[in-house]
Amino acid sequence: MPVLLLMSLNKSLNNDIMIDRDNFTIGRSCGCQFLLDNAFVSKIHFRIRFSMPDGSQLPDGQAFFIDDLSRNGTFLNNEKIGNESAKPIKPGDIIHILRACEDTQDKYFSFKAKFPPLKWGLLLRSLNPEYNDIEVNDEPFDLGSATHCDVKISDDRIKGFISAHHFRVSFPAAGCSEECIAVLEDLSTNGTCRGLRARGEWLAGTYVNGELVGKKKRRELVEGDVVSAVSRVTAADAVSDRFGGAFRAYA
């Protein structure tokens, strides 16, 4: 989930606003996520969102939108947004409530938009004791057989199943569910290769909880999901355990 910091520019308001959820409301109503107790502020003055009104993701390159829901005005970089209108927010943008100036009087509020660096981490715990757990602390994080991947799988027993770039893990993106701890992208060839020790045909690819993700497709990971980089068999199957291609995801 993206994070937006609204840094207060007012001497009388010492609290910055950390926005870490979609449809974050700011206003005079006690039902808002951030309360501004001032008669000039509307009950719901403005809203910050990470998604389009229909719930779909924002256009590429846009992480946040501000919706003006006020009667007295919300300004972005000294331009009035307009009631029931919306504008995208960029780092460094200035948001004013009630008037377009950085006035320090109590009835005027000003904020500067900042995008703080994300503190994010993912643990892929190996379900085979012969293999190490994988700690993911930055993005994009690639796993595969290529030497320039962040984690290279070179075990002779399973290298026939592993693509040069098998899968990629990234931060939760705008529009992801609150339960999402990471986004997995399947980069594997998803071909069919012959199993070891005459086990028959095994489907190569990337699987989450036994379901194929699909080449160039993405899937949200939630706490406890099992990612398999070898075949469609689940982590409970002895073949997956022996091949070492299964991991359980933890935030």
C-alpha atoms as a PDB file:
ATOM      1  CA  MET A   1       0.000   0.000   0.000  1.00  0.00           C
ATOM      2  CA  PRO A   2       1.442   3.444  -0.918  1.00  0.00           C
ATOM      3  CA  VAL A   3       2.096   6.044   1.768  1.00  0.00           C
ATOM      4  CA  LEU A   4       1.645   9.821   1.546  1.00  0.00           C
ATOM      5  CA  LEU A   5       2.868  12.322   4.146  1.00  0.00           C
ATOM      6  CA  LEU A   6       1.123  15.699   4.391  1.00  0.00           C
ATOM      7  CA  MET A   7       3.619  17.879   6.271  1.00  0.00           C
ATOM      8  CA  SER A   8       1.951  20.722   8.146  1.00  0.00           C
ATOM      9  CA  LEU A   9       3.143  24.236   7.247  1.00  0.00           C
ATOM     10  CA  ASN A  10       1.189  25.889  10.076  1.00  0.00           C
ATOM     11  CA  LYS A  11       2.720  26.944  13.365  1.00  0.00           C
ATOM     12  CA  SER A  12      -0.507  26.139  15.208  1.00  0.00           C
ATOM     13  CA  LEU A  13      -0.831  22.614  13.772  1.00  0.00           C
ATOM     14  CA  ASN A  14       2.134  20.506  14.772  1.00  0.00           C
ATOM     15  CA  ASN A  15       0.739  17.197  13.556  1.00  0.00           C
ATOM     16  CA  ASP A  16       1.755  15.932  10.138  1.00  0.00           C
ATOM     17  CA  ILE A  17      -0.729  13.576   8.478  1.00  0.00           C
ATOM     18  CA  MET A  18       0.464  10.103   7.496  1.00  0.00           C
ATOM     19  CA  ILE A  19      -1.938   8.625   4.937  1.00  0.00           C
ATOM     20  CA  ASP A  20      -1.596   4.861   4.604  1.00  0.00           C
ATOM     21  CA  ARG A  21      -5.082   3.827   3.469  1.00  0.00           C
ATOM     22  CA  ASP A  22      -7.360   4.458   0.517  1.00  0.00           C
ATOM     23  CA  ASN A  23     -10.187   7.033   0.737  1.00  0.00           C
ATOM     24  CA  PHE A  24      -8.568   8.881   3.645  1.00  0.00           C
ATOM     25  CA  THR A  25     -10.818  11.769   4.722  1.00  0.00           C
ATOM     26  CA  ILE A  26      -9.841  15.032   6.440  1.00  0.00           C
ATOM     27  CA  GLY A  27     -12.381  17.428   7.908  1.00  0.00           C
ATOM     28  CA  ARG A  28     -14.413  18.614  10.900  1.00  0.00           C
ATOM     29  CA  SER A  29     -16.519  15.459  11.316  1.00  0.00           C
ATOM     30  CA  CYS A  30     -15.475  12.980  13.996  1.00  0.00           C
ATOM     31  CA  GLY A  31     -15.925  10.286  11.351  1.00  0.00           C
ATOM     32  CA  CYS A  32     -12.912  11.550   9.375  1.00  0.00           C
ATOM     33  CA  GLN A  33      -9.588   9.766   9.612  1.00  0.00           C
ATOM     34  CA  PHE A  34      -7.975  13.107  10.543  1.00  0.00           C
ATOM     35  CA  LEU A  35      -9.953  15.735  12.467  1.00  0.00           C
ATOM     36  CA  LEU A  36      -9.533  19.490  11.938  1.00  0.00           C
ATOM     37  CA  ASP A  37     -11.657  21.123  14.632  1.00  0.00           C
ATOM     38  CA  ASN A  38     -12.360  24.459  13.007  1.00  0.00           C
ATOM     39  CA  ALA A  39     -15.669  26.063  12.058  1.00  0.00           C
ATOM     40  CA  PHE A  40     -14.359  27.096   8.638  1.00  0.00           C
ATOM     41  CA  VAL A  41     -13.499  23.498   7.735  1.00  0.00           C
ATOM     42  CA  SER A  42     -16.213  21.372   6.116  1.00  0.00           C
ATOM     43  CA  LYS A  43     -17.391  18.159   7.773  1.00  0.00           C
ATOM     44  CA  ILE A  44     -15.493  16.265   5.096  1.00  0.00           C
ATOM     45  CA  HIS A  45     -13.192  18.818   3.515  1.00  0.00           C
ATOM     46  CA  PHE A  46     -11.145  16.654   1.195  1.00  0.00           C
ATOM     47  CA  ARG A  47     -10.310  13.028   0.529  1.00  0.00           C
ATOM     48  CA  ILE A  48      -7.076  11.335  -0.542  1.00  0.00           C
ATOM     49  CA  ARG A  49      -7.420   8.160  -2.555  1.00  0.00           C
ATOM     50  CA  PHE A  50      -5.137   5.586  -4.146  1.00  0.00           C
ATOM     51  CA  SER A  51      -7.681   4.311  -6.670  1.00  0.00           C
ATOM     52  CA  MET A  52     -10.266   5.494  -9.189  1.00  0.00           C
ATOM     53  CA  PRO A  53     -13.862   6.015  -7.983  1.00  0.00           C
ATOM     54  CA  ASP A  54     -14.832   2.629  -9.449  1.00  0.00           C
ATOM     55  CA  GLY A  55     -12.051   0.919  -7.490  1.00  0.00           C
ATOM     56  CA  SER A  56      -9.707   0.414 -10.446  1.00  0.00           C
ATOM     57  CA  GLN A  57      -6.050   1.386 -10.347  1.00  0.00           C
ATOM     58  CA  LEU A  58      -4.943   4.925 -11.067  1.00  0.00           C
ATOM     59  CA  PRO A  59      -3.298   5.698 -14.436  1.00  0.00           C
ATOM     60  CA  ASP A  60       0.408   4.849 -14.725  1.00  0.00           C
ATOM     61  CA  GLY A  61       2.649   7.373 -12.992  1.00  0.00           C
ATOM     62  CA  GLN A  62      -0.076   8.636 -10.643  1.00  0.00           C
ATOM     63  CA  ALA A  63      -0.131   7.414  -7.049  1.00  0.00           C
ATOM     64  CA  PHE A  64      -2.581   9.755  -5.285  1.00  0.00           C
ATOM     65  CA  PHE A  65      -5.641  11.885  -6.018  1.00  0.00           C
ATOM     66  CA  ILE A  66      -7.253  14.586  -3.904  1.00  0.00           C
ATOM     67  CA  ASP A  67     -11.034  15.045  -4.046  1.00  0.00           C
ATOM     68  CA  ASP A  68     -12.379  18.456  -2.989  1.00  0.00           C
ATOM     69  CA  LEU A  69     -15.544  17.822  -0.948  1.00  0.00           C
ATOM     70  CA  SER A  70     -15.656  21.214   0.755  1.00  0.00           C
ATOM     71  CA  ARG A  71     -17.990  24.178   0.594  1.00  0.00           C
ATOM     72  CA  ASN A  72     -15.316  26.810   1.303  1.00  0.00           C
ATOM     73  CA  GLY A  73     -12.532  25.577  -0.948  1.00  0.00           C
ATOM     74  CA  THR A  74      -9.494  23.332  -1.252  1.00  0.00           C
ATOM     75  CA  PHE A  75      -6.490  24.591  -3.213  1.00  0.00           C
ATOM     76  CA  LEU A  76      -3.650  22.666  -4.849  1.00  0.00           C
ATOM     77  CA  ASN A  77      -0.592  24.786  -5.665  1.00  0.00           C
ATOM     78  CA  ASN A  78      -2.716  27.955  -5.316  1.00  0.00           C
ATOM     79  CA  GLU A  79      -5.368  26.729  -7.758  1.00  0.00           C
ATOM     80  CA  LYS A  80      -8.847  25.945  -6.501  1.00  0.00           C
ATOM     81  CA  ILE A  81      -9.759  22.316  -7.143  1.00  0.00           C
ATOM     82  CA  GLY A  82     -13.532  22.851  -7.085  1.00  0.00           C
ATOM     83  CA  ASN A  83     -16.246  21.005  -5.212  1.00  0.00           C
ATOM     84  CA  GLU A  84     -16.641  17.360  -6.292  1.00  0.00           C
ATOM     85  CA  SER A  85     -13.566  17.721  -8.518  1.00  0.00           C
ATOM     86  CA  ALA A  86     -10.248  15.875  -8.257  1.00  0.00           C
ATOM     87  CA  LYS A  87      -6.580  16.419  -9.106  1.00  0.00           C
ATOM     88  CA  PRO A  88      -3.481  14.194  -8.923  1.00  0.00           C
ATOM     89  CA  ILE A  89      -0.900  14.865  -6.208  1.00  0.00           C
ATOM     90  CA  LYS A  90       2.858  14.939  -6.840  1.00  0.00           C
ATOM     91  CA  PRO A  91       5.760  15.213  -4.372  1.00  0.00           C
ATOM     92  CA  GLY A  92       6.206  18.835  -3.313  1.00  0.00           C
ATOM     93  CA  ASP A  93       2.620  19.891  -4.050  1.00  0.00           C
ATOM     94  CA  ILE A  94       1.081  22.353  -1.579  1.00  0.00           C
ATOM     95  CA  ILE A  95      -2.478  21.829  -0.339  1.00  0.00           C
ATOM     96  CA  HIS A  96      -4.334  24.776   1.189  1.00  0.00           C
ATOM     97  CA  ILE A  97      -7.633  24.721   3.010  1.00  0.00           C
ATOM     98  CA  LEU A  98      -9.896  27.802   2.649  1.00  0.00           C
ATOM     99  CA  ARG A  99      -7.496  30.119   0.826  1.00  0.00           C
ATOM    100  CA  ALA A 100      -4.563  29.928  -1.579  1.00  0.00           C
ATOM    101  CA  CYS A 101      -1.750  31.177   0.613  1.00  0.00           C
ATOM    102  CA  GLU A 102       0.536  29.853   3.316  1.00  0.00           C
ATOM    103  CA  ASP A 103      -1.256  31.835   6.014  1.00  0.00           C
ATOM    104  CA  THR A 104      -0.312  30.817   9.556  1.00  0.00           C
ATOM    105  CA  GLN A 105      -3.625  31.877  11.119  1.00  0.00           C
ATOM    106  CA  ASP A 106      -5.544  29.121  12.870  1.00  0.00           C
ATOM    107  CA  LYS A 107      -8.419  29.158  10.380  1.00  0.00           C
ATOM    108  CA  TYR A 108      -6.113  28.421   7.431  1.00  0.00           C
ATOM    109  CA  PHE A 109      -4.314  25.107   6.967  1.00  0.00           C
ATOM    110  CA  SER A 110      -1.501  24.293   4.559  1.00  0.00           C
ATOM    111  CA  PHE A 111       0.293  21.035   3.865  1.00  0.00           C
ATOM    112  CA  LYS A 112       3.205  19.937   1.704  1.00  0.00           C
ATOM    113  CA  ALA A 113       2.961  16.510   0.043  1.00  0.00           C
ATOM    114  CA  LYS A 114       5.896  14.147   0.540  1.00  0.00           C
ATOM    115  CA  PHE A 115       6.325  10.529  -0.467  1.00  0.00           C
ATOM    116  CA  PRO A 116       8.381   8.936   2.329  1.00  0.00           C
ATOM    117  CA  PRO A 117      10.468   5.875   1.471  1.00  0.00           C
ATOM    118  CA  LEU A 118       8.608   2.652   2.065  1.00  0.00           C
ATOM    119  CA  LYS A 119       9.712   0.390   4.869  1.00  0.00           C
ATOM    120  CA  TRP A 120       8.873  -2.968   3.405  1.00  0.00           C
ATOM    121  CA  GLY A 121      10.038  -6.508   3.715  1.00  0.00           C
ATOM    122  CA  LEU A 122       8.954  -9.993   2.741  1.00  0.00           C
ATOM    123  CA  LEU A 123      10.147 -13.352   4.011  1.00  0.00           C
ATOM    124  CA  LEU A 124       9.835 -16.379   1.745  1.00  0.00           C
ATOM    125  CA  ARG A 125      10.357 -19.245   4.164  1.00  0.00           C
ATOM    126  CA  SER A 126      11.567 -22.393   2.431  1.00  0.00           C
ATOM    127  CA  LEU A 127       9.430 -25.456   3.020  1.00  0.00           C
ATOM    128  CA  ASN A 128      12.486 -27.630   2.400  1.00  0.00           C
ATOM    129  CA  PRO A 129      15.062 -27.557   5.250  1.00  0.00           C
ATOM    130  CA  GLU A 130      17.860 -28.069   2.705  1.00  0.00           C
ATOM    131  CA  TYR A 131      17.268 -24.592   1.245  1.00  0.00           C
ATOM    132  CA  ASN A 132      17.660 -21.148   2.766  1.00  0.00           C
ATOM    133  CA  ASP A 133      14.832 -18.735   3.431  1.00  0.00           C
ATOM    134  CA  ILE A 134      14.704 -15.703   1.131  1.00  0.00           C
ATOM    135  CA  GLU A 135      14.543 -12.180   2.563  1.00  0.00           C
ATOM    136  CA  VAL A 136      13.199  -9.541   0.190  1.00  0.00           C
ATOM    137  CA  ASN A 137      13.892  -5.923   1.233  1.00  0.00           C
ATOM    138  CA  ASP A 138      13.843  -3.986  -2.037  1.00  0.00           C
ATOM    139  CA  GLU A 139      12.198  -4.098  -5.431  1.00  0.00           C
ATOM    140  CA  PRO A 140      12.124  -5.451  -8.041  1.00  0.00           C
ATOM    141  CA  PHE A 141      13.404  -8.738  -6.616  1.00  0.00           C
ATOM    142  CA  ASP A 142      13.999 -11.513  -9.163  1.00  0.00           C
ATOM    143  CA  LEU A 143      14.413 -15.245  -8.623  1.00  0.00           C
ATOM    144  CA  GLY A 144      15.646 -17.517 -11.393  1.00  0.00           C
ATOM    145  CA  SER A 145      18.601 -19.363 -12.897  1.00  0.00           C
ATOM    146  CA  ALA A 146      20.318 -16.287 -14.391  1.00  0.00           C
ATOM    147  CA  THR A 147      23.456 -15.068 -12.625  1.00  0.00           C
ATOM    148  CA  HIS A 148      22.137 -11.495 -12.329  1.00  0.00           C
ATOM    149  CA  CYS A 149      18.970 -12.502 -10.442  1.00  0.00           C
ATOM    150  CA  ASP A 150      18.774 -11.456  -6.808  1.00  0.00           C
ATOM    151  CA  VAL A 151      18.458 -15.129  -5.898  1.00  0.00           C
ATOM    152  CA  LYS A 152      19.922 -17.708  -8.267  1.00  0.00           C
ATOM    153  CA  ILE A 153      18.691 -21.292  -8.123  1.00  0.00           C
ATOM    154  CA  SER A 154      21.415 -23.577  -9.431  1.00  0.00           C
ATOM    155  CA  ASP A 155      20.483 -26.931  -7.900  1.00  0.00           C
ATOM    156  CA  ASP A 156      21.020 -29.618 -10.551  1.00  0.00           C
ATOM    157  CA  ARG A 157      17.905 -31.450  -9.344  1.00  0.00           C
ATOM    158  CA  ILE A 158      15.545 -28.636 -10.299  1.00  0.00           C
ATOM    159  CA  LYS A 159      17.435 -26.406 -12.764  1.00  0.00           C
ATOM    160  CA  GLY A 160      15.439 -27.898 -15.637  1.00  0.00           C
ATOM    161  CA  PHE A 161      12.305 -26.401 -14.138  1.00  0.00           C
ATOM    162  CA  ILE A 162      13.659 -22.906 -13.425  1.00  0.00           C
ATOM    163  CA  SER A 163      13.554 -20.128 -16.045  1.00  0.00           C
ATOM    164  CA  ALA A 164      16.305 -17.515 -16.319  1.00  0.00           C
ATOM    165  CA  HIS A 165      13.878 -15.088 -14.681  1.00  0.00           C
ATOM    166  CA  HIS A 166      11.291 -17.224 -12.950  1.00  0.00           C
ATOM    167  CA  PHE A 167       9.304 -14.741 -10.871  1.00  0.00           C
ATOM    168  CA  ARG A 168       9.548 -11.187  -9.574  1.00  0.00           C
ATOM    169  CA  VAL A 169       8.392  -9.744  -6.263  1.00  0.00           C
ATOM    170  CA  SER A 170       7.476  -6.061  -5.839  1.00  0.00           C
ATOM    171  CA  PHE A 171       5.981  -3.693  -3.272  1.00  0.00           C
ATOM    172  CA  PRO A 172       2.200  -3.669  -2.941  1.00  0.00           C
ATOM    173  CA  ALA A 173       0.962  -1.299  -5.636  1.00  0.00           C
ATOM    174  CA  ALA A 174      -1.797   1.311  -5.733  1.00  0.00           C
ATOM    175  CA  GLY A 175      -5.150  -0.431  -5.797  1.00  0.00           C
ATOM    176  CA  CYS A 176      -3.981  -3.553  -3.933  1.00  0.00           C
ATOM    177  CA  SER A 177      -6.103  -4.952  -1.141  1.00  0.00           C
ATOM    178  CA  GLU A 178      -5.295  -4.149   2.479  1.00  0.00           C
ATOM    179  CA  GLU A 179      -4.296  -7.805   3.010  1.00  0.00           C
ATOM    180  CA  CYS A 180      -1.680  -7.670   0.235  1.00  0.00           C
ATOM    181  CA  ILE A 181       1.913  -8.011   1.495  1.00  0.00           C
ATOM    182  CA  ALA A 182       3.582  -8.188  -1.940  1.00  0.00           C
ATOM    183  CA  VAL A 183       2.880  -8.525  -5.661  1.00  0.00           C
ATOM    184  CA  LEU A 184       4.269 -11.531  -7.536  1.00  0.00           C
ATOM    185  CA  GLU A 185       4.784 -11.498 -11.314  1.00  0.00           C
ATOM    186  CA  ASP A 186       5.247 -14.773 -13.180  1.00  0.00           C
ATOM    187  CA  LEU A 187       8.172 -14.443 -15.609  1.00  0.00           C
ATOM    188  CA  SER A 188       8.643 -18.166 -16.245  1.00  0.00           C
ATOM    189  CA  THR A 189       8.282 -19.943 -19.575  1.00  0.00           C
ATOM    190  CA  ASN A 190       5.400 -22.063 -18.222  1.00  0.00           C
ATOM    191  CA  GLY A 191       6.459 -24.929 -20.459  1.00  0.00           C
ATOM    192  CA  THR A 192       6.208 -28.654 -19.794  1.00  0.00           C
ATOM    193  CA  CYS A 193       9.349 -30.516 -18.871  1.00  0.00           C
ATOM    194  CA  ARG A 194       9.936 -34.113 -17.971  1.00  0.00           C
ATOM    195  CA  GLY A 195      10.027 -34.824 -14.260  1.00  0.00           C
ATOM    196  CA  LEU A 196      12.987 -36.281 -12.476  1.00  0.00           C
ATOM    197  CA  ARG A 197      13.281 -39.959 -11.682  1.00  0.00           C
ATOM    198  CA  ALA A 198      10.583 -40.904 -14.197  1.00  0.00           C
ATOM    199  CA  ARG A 199       7.859 -38.986 -12.380  1.00  0.00           C
ATOM    200  CA  GLY A 200       6.112 -38.247 -15.678  1.00  0.00           C
ATOM    201  CA  GLU A 201       5.136 -34.797 -16.950  1.00  0.00           C
ATOM    202  CA  TRP A 202       5.428 -31.820 -14.611  1.00  0.00           C
ATOM    203  CA  LEU A 203       4.170 -28.356 -15.469  1.00  0.00           C
ATOM    204  CA  ALA A 204       6.844 -25.713 -15.063  1.00  0.00           C
ATOM    205  CA  GLY A 205       5.797 -22.231 -14.048  1.00  0.00           C
ATOM    206  CA  THR A 206       4.999 -20.181 -10.965  1.00  0.00           C
ATOM    207  CA  TYR A 207       2.167 -21.265  -8.708  1.00  0.00           C
ATOM    208  CA  VAL A 208       0.509 -19.696  -5.682  1.00  0.00           C
ATOM    209  CA  ASN A 209      -1.346 -22.139  -3.466  1.00  0.00           C
ATOM    210  CA  GLY A 210      -1.270 -24.652  -6.305  1.00  0.00           C
ATOM    211  CA  GLU A 211      -2.789 -22.287  -8.904  1.00  0.00           C
ATOM    212  CA  LEU A 212      -0.874 -21.181 -11.988  1.00  0.00           C
ATOM    213  CA  VAL A 213      -0.218 -17.436 -12.064  1.00  0.00           C
ATOM    214  CA  GLY A 214       0.443 -17.295 -15.817  1.00  0.00           C
ATOM    215  CA  LYS A 215       3.274 -15.746 -17.802  1.00  0.00           C
ATOM    216  CA  LYS A 216       3.515 -11.958 -17.446  1.00  0.00           C
ATOM    217  CA  LYS A 217       0.531 -12.010 -15.066  1.00  0.00           C
ATOM    218  CA  ARG A 218       0.544 -10.693 -11.523  1.00  0.00           C
ATOM    219  CA  ARG A 219      -0.991 -11.896  -8.316  1.00  0.00           C
ATOM    220  CA  GLU A 220      -1.262 -10.395  -4.856  1.00  0.00           C
ATOM    221  CA  LEU A 221       0.392 -12.343  -2.061  1.00  0.00           C
ATOM    222  CA  VAL A 222      -1.172 -12.436   1.383  1.00  0.00           C
ATOM    223  CA  GLU A 223       0.218 -13.772   4.632  1.00  0.00           C
ATOM    224  CA  GLY A 224       0.726 -17.547   4.486  1.00  0.00           C
ATOM    225  CA  ASP A 225       0.494 -17.997   0.698  1.00  0.00           C
ATOM    226  CA  VAL A 226       2.657 -20.788  -0.725  1.00  0.00           C
ATOM    227  CA  VAL A 227       4.731 -19.893  -3.800  1.00  0.00           C
ATOM    228  CA  SER A 228       6.042 -22.795  -5.874  1.00  0.00           C
ATOM    229  CA  ALA A 229       8.792 -22.216  -8.434  1.00  0.00           C
ATOM    230  CA  VAL A 230       8.936 -25.816  -9.667  1.00  0.00           C
ATOM    231  CA  SER A 231       5.557 -27.334 -10.455  1.00  0.00           C
ATOM    232  CA  ARG A 232       1.895 -27.154  -9.705  1.00  0.00           C
ATOM    233  CA  VAL A 233       2.078 -29.591  -6.802  1.00  0.00           C
ATOM    234  CA  THR A 234       1.450 -28.005  -3.419  1.00  0.00           C
ATOM    235  CA  ALA A 235       3.991 -27.659  -0.659  1.00  0.00           C
ATOM    236  CA  ALA A 236       2.489 -30.656   1.155  1.00  0.00           C
ATOM    237  CA  ASP A 237       3.583 -32.929  -1.675  1.00  0.00           C
ATOM    238  CA  ALA A 238       6.884 -34.722  -1.019  1.00  0.00           C
ATOM    239  CA  VAL A 239       8.068 -33.956  -4.546  1.00  0.00           C
ATOM    240  CA  SER A 240       7.910 -30.186  -3.963  1.00  0.00           C
ATOM    241  CA  ASP A 241       9.663 -30.570  -0.625  1.00  0.00           C
ATOM    242  CA  ARG A 242      12.441 -32.644  -2.170  1.00  0.00           C
ATOM    243  CA  PHE A 243      12.943 -30.281  -5.092  1.00  0.00           C
ATOM    244  CA  GLY A 244      13.001 -27.236  -2.810  1.00  0.00           C
ATOM    245  CA  GLY A 245      10.782 -25.088  -4.991  1.00  0.00           C
ATOM    246  CA  ALA A 246       8.150 -24.064  -2.450  1.00  0.00           C
ATOM    247  CA  PHE A 247       8.124 -21.058  -0.102  1.00  0.00           C
ATOM    248  CA  ARG A 248       5.590 -19.657   2.344  1.00  0.00           C
ATOM    249  CA  ALA A 249       5.189 -15.863   2.326  1.00  0.00           C
ATOM    250  CA  TYR A 250       5.326 -13.740   5.478  1.00  0.00           C
ATOM    251  CA  ALA A 251       5.369  -9.968   5.926  1.00  0.00           C
END
